[in-house]
Amino acid sequence: MAMRFLFALIMMCAPTALAAKPGPSAAIHAYVAPFVETNNFAGSILVARDETTIFARAYGGANREGRLPNKLKTRFHVASMSMQFTAAAALRLIDAEKLSLSPPVADVIHVYPNGRAITIGNLLTQTSGIADINAQEGYAEILTHHQTPLSLVERMRDVPALRQPGTYDREEHSAFNLLALIIERKTGL
């Protein structure tokens, strides 16, 4: 009798307990909202578990000057953040023995200036000496159009190197554009 009463009490309270605890969507929104309200976040968030979308929402402006709102399909220029993903993809290929640190760039991109002296390792460690596209005059204009690793590499192909491969000076965005192109060529993706 006591067990039936306890079970009935749990069943009666369960809907109330569930209603009091926000679901994942409400919890995610509640976490993000203060950042949006203080203009410290604008972007899109997608949270999925297995193949089920749990939360998908766009926040803030895609273009603050034009007051265009972000949408779930807004394409973002992720800039230097893409370098970590490019490095991870390269390291996964190295782990799978489909790429190595020591071969020269010219083994994959056959006609590239100084391509025999620059290695995959130089690209990963930002010691290639390749001139940086971000420092080029007109870079802001480049950003206004969709770019691919190939288009970015082509823009920098004839720009003289800053130094010989093997020394670090600063972040090398163009080296990672070249590495992304190598990854594309190696994977076909």
Protein backbone atom coordinates (compact mmCIF):
# COMPACT_ATOMS: atom_id res chain seq x y z
CA MET A 1 0.00 0.00 0.00
CA ALA A 2 2.81 2.44 0.89
CA MET A 3 4.55 1.65 -2.43
CA ARG A 4 1.36 2.39 -4.44
CA PHE A 5 0.92 5.69 -2.60
CA LEU A 6 4.59 6.66 -3.25
CA PHE A 7 4.24 5.73 -6.95
CA ALA A 8 1.01 7.80 -7.23
CA LEU A 9 2.68 10.75 -5.51
CA ILE A 10 5.67 10.58 -7.88
CA MET A 11 3.37 10.42 -10.92
CA MET A 12 1.36 13.42 -9.75
CA CYS A 13 4.48 15.50 -9.08
CA ALA A 14 6.41 14.47 -12.20
CA PRO A 15 4.67 16.89 -14.61
CA THR A 16 5.27 19.77 -12.21
CA ALA A 17 8.92 18.84 -11.78
CA LEU A 18 9.36 18.57 -15.54
CA ALA A 19 7.65 21.88 -16.17
CA ALA A 20 9.86 23.64 -13.63
CA LYS A 21 13.06 22.49 -15.33
CA PRO A 22 13.60 24.18 -18.72
CA GLY A 23 14.28 21.97 -21.72
CA PRO A 24 17.55 22.17 -23.62
CA SER A 25 16.25 24.86 -26.02
CA ALA A 26 15.11 27.14 -23.23
CA ALA A 27 18.33 26.58 -21.27
CA ILE A 28 20.52 27.34 -24.30
CA HIS A 29 18.54 30.47 -25.12
CA ALA A 30 18.66 31.61 -21.48
CA TYR A 31 22.43 31.18 -21.47
CA VAL A 32 22.98 33.08 -24.74
CA ALA A 33 20.40 35.89 -24.23
CA PRO A 34 22.53 38.10 -21.91
CA PHE A 35 25.41 38.03 -24.41
CA VAL A 36 23.06 39.01 -27.25
CA GLU A 37 21.41 41.76 -25.20
CA THR A 38 24.80 43.34 -24.39
CA ASN A 39 26.02 43.06 -28.02
CA ASN A 40 28.66 40.52 -27.05
CA PHE A 41 27.34 37.82 -29.36
CA ALA A 42 25.87 37.78 -32.83
CA GLY A 43 25.74 34.56 -34.81
CA SER A 44 23.96 31.28 -35.29
CA ILE A 45 23.85 28.34 -32.92
CA LEU A 46 23.00 24.79 -33.84
CA VAL A 47 23.09 22.05 -31.22
CA ALA A 48 22.49 18.46 -32.31
CA ARG A 49 22.64 15.10 -30.63
CA ASP A 50 23.18 12.21 -33.00
CA GLU A 51 21.21 13.40 -36.04
CA THR A 52 18.51 15.26 -34.12
CA THR A 53 18.58 19.04 -33.92
CA ILE A 54 18.00 20.12 -30.34
CA PHE A 55 18.39 23.85 -30.85
CA ALA A 56 18.82 26.13 -33.87
CA ARG A 57 18.55 29.90 -33.72
CA ALA A 58 20.19 32.98 -35.18
CA TYR A 59 20.91 36.06 -33.07
CA GLY A 60 21.92 39.65 -33.69
CA GLY A 61 22.93 41.34 -36.88
CA ALA A 62 24.74 39.89 -39.86
CA ASN A 63 25.57 43.43 -40.90
CA ARG A 64 25.29 46.00 -38.15
CA GLU A 65 25.64 48.94 -40.51
CA GLY A 66 22.81 47.72 -42.73
CA ARG A 67 20.88 46.31 -39.78
CA LEU A 68 20.47 42.98 -41.51
CA PRO A 69 19.53 40.25 -39.04
CA ASN A 70 21.38 36.95 -38.86
CA LYS A 71 19.51 33.96 -40.19
CA LEU A 72 20.25 30.27 -39.81
CA LYS A 73 21.61 30.24 -43.36
CA THR A 74 23.83 33.33 -42.96
CA ARG A 75 27.37 32.62 -44.18
CA PHE A 76 30.04 33.96 -41.83
CA HIS A 77 33.61 34.95 -42.53
CA VAL A 78 35.28 33.03 -39.73
CA ALA A 79 38.73 34.46 -40.43
CA SER A 80 41.53 33.10 -38.25
CA MET A 81 39.17 30.70 -36.48
CA SER A 82 39.33 28.51 -39.57
CA MET A 83 43.06 27.96 -38.99
CA GLN A 84 42.42 25.60 -36.07
CA PHE A 85 40.01 23.53 -38.17
CA THR A 86 42.49 23.42 -41.05
CA ALA A 87 45.22 22.29 -38.65
CA ALA A 88 42.94 19.62 -37.17
CA ALA A 89 42.08 18.32 -40.66
CA ALA A 90 45.78 18.20 -41.60
CA LEU A 91 46.68 16.39 -38.37
CA ARG A 92 43.91 13.85 -38.94
CA LEU A 93 45.30 13.18 -42.43
CA ILE A 94 48.78 12.84 -40.93
CA ASP A 95 47.42 10.41 -38.33
CA ALA A 96 45.77 8.42 -41.14
CA GLU A 97 49.11 8.44 -43.01
CA LYS A 98 47.59 10.28 -45.98
CA LEU A 99 49.79 13.32 -45.38
CA SER A 100 53.15 13.87 -43.72
CA LEU A 101 54.96 16.85 -42.20
CA SER A 102 58.14 16.55 -44.24
CA PRO A 103 57.14 16.48 -47.93
CA PRO A 104 57.46 19.73 -49.85
CA VAL A 105 54.33 21.62 -50.90
CA ALA A 106 55.35 21.03 -54.54
CA ASP A 107 54.52 17.33 -54.13
CA VAL A 108 50.83 18.30 -54.01
CA ILE A 109 50.67 21.80 -55.53
CA HIS A 110 53.12 21.24 -58.35
CA VAL A 111 53.66 24.81 -59.48
CA TYR A 112 54.02 26.94 -56.38
CA PRO A 113 56.82 29.48 -55.80
CA ASN A 114 59.46 28.00 -53.46
CA GLY A 115 57.25 24.92 -53.26
CA ARG A 116 60.26 22.59 -53.01
CA ALA A 117 61.56 24.40 -49.91
CA ILE A 118 58.25 24.81 -48.04
CA THR A 119 57.00 21.70 -46.19
CA ILE A 120 53.60 20.77 -44.81
CA GLY A 121 55.23 21.18 -41.38
CA ASN A 122 56.20 24.77 -42.27
CA LEU A 123 52.58 25.52 -43.15
CA LEU A 124 51.30 24.04 -39.90
CA THR A 125 53.84 25.86 -37.74
CA GLN A 126 53.48 29.13 -39.66
CA THR A 127 57.13 29.12 -40.67
CA SER A 128 56.65 29.06 -44.46
CA GLY A 129 57.72 32.65 -45.13
CA ILE A 130 54.73 33.12 -47.46
CA ALA A 131 53.45 36.71 -47.59
CA ASP A 132 50.23 37.18 -45.62
CA ILE A 133 47.09 37.95 -47.59
CA ASN A 134 45.65 39.82 -44.60
CA ALA A 135 48.44 42.39 -44.89
CA GLN A 136 47.80 43.05 -48.59
CA GLU A 137 46.33 46.32 -49.80
CA GLY A 138 42.75 45.70 -50.81
CA TYR A 139 42.21 42.85 -48.34
CA ALA A 140 38.93 44.42 -47.17
CA GLU A 141 37.66 44.25 -50.76
CA ILE A 142 38.68 40.58 -51.01
CA LEU A 143 36.46 39.84 -48.00
CA THR A 144 33.39 41.20 -49.76
CA HIS A 145 33.39 38.25 -52.19
CA HIS A 146 33.18 34.50 -51.61
CA GLN A 147 36.65 32.97 -51.63
CA THR A 148 37.99 29.42 -51.80
CA PRO A 149 41.40 28.12 -50.80
CA LEU A 150 42.31 28.04 -54.50
CA SER A 151 41.23 31.65 -55.14
CA LEU A 152 43.17 32.86 -52.09
CA VAL A 153 46.29 30.90 -53.04
CA GLU A 154 46.07 32.23 -56.62
CA ARG A 155 45.89 35.83 -55.32
CA MET A 156 49.13 35.34 -53.39
CA ARG A 157 51.05 33.12 -55.82
CA ASP A 158 53.13 35.96 -57.28
CA VAL A 159 53.57 38.01 -54.10
CA PRO A 160 57.22 37.70 -53.01
CA ALA A 161 57.92 35.63 -49.89
CA LEU A 162 58.78 37.57 -46.76
CA ARG A 163 61.61 35.27 -45.66
CA GLN A 164 63.03 31.81 -46.15
CA PRO A 165 61.02 28.87 -44.77
CA GLY A 166 61.84 27.71 -41.27
CA THR A 167 61.54 30.85 -39.16
CA TYR A 168 58.49 32.23 -37.40
CA ASP A 169 57.63 35.90 -37.64
CA ARG A 170 53.86 36.11 -37.16
CA GLU A 171 50.57 34.40 -37.95
CA GLU A 172 50.55 33.19 -41.57
CA HIS A 173 47.01 33.21 -42.94
CA SER A 174 48.19 32.51 -46.48
CA ALA A 175 50.07 29.41 -45.29
CA PHE A 176 46.80 28.04 -43.95
CA ASN A 177 45.00 28.90 -47.20
CA LEU A 178 47.65 26.83 -48.99
CA LEU A 179 47.31 24.03 -46.42
CA ALA A 180 43.52 24.04 -46.92
CA LEU A 181 44.06 23.68 -50.67
CA ILE A 182 46.44 20.77 -50.07
CA ILE A 183 43.82 19.11 -47.85
CA GLU A 184 41.23 19.57 -50.60
CA ARG A 185 43.56 17.99 -53.14
CA LYS A 186 44.47 15.08 -50.86
CA THR A 187 40.89 14.28 -49.84
CA GLY A 188 38.94 15.30 -52.92
CA LEU A 189 36.60 17.21 -50.58
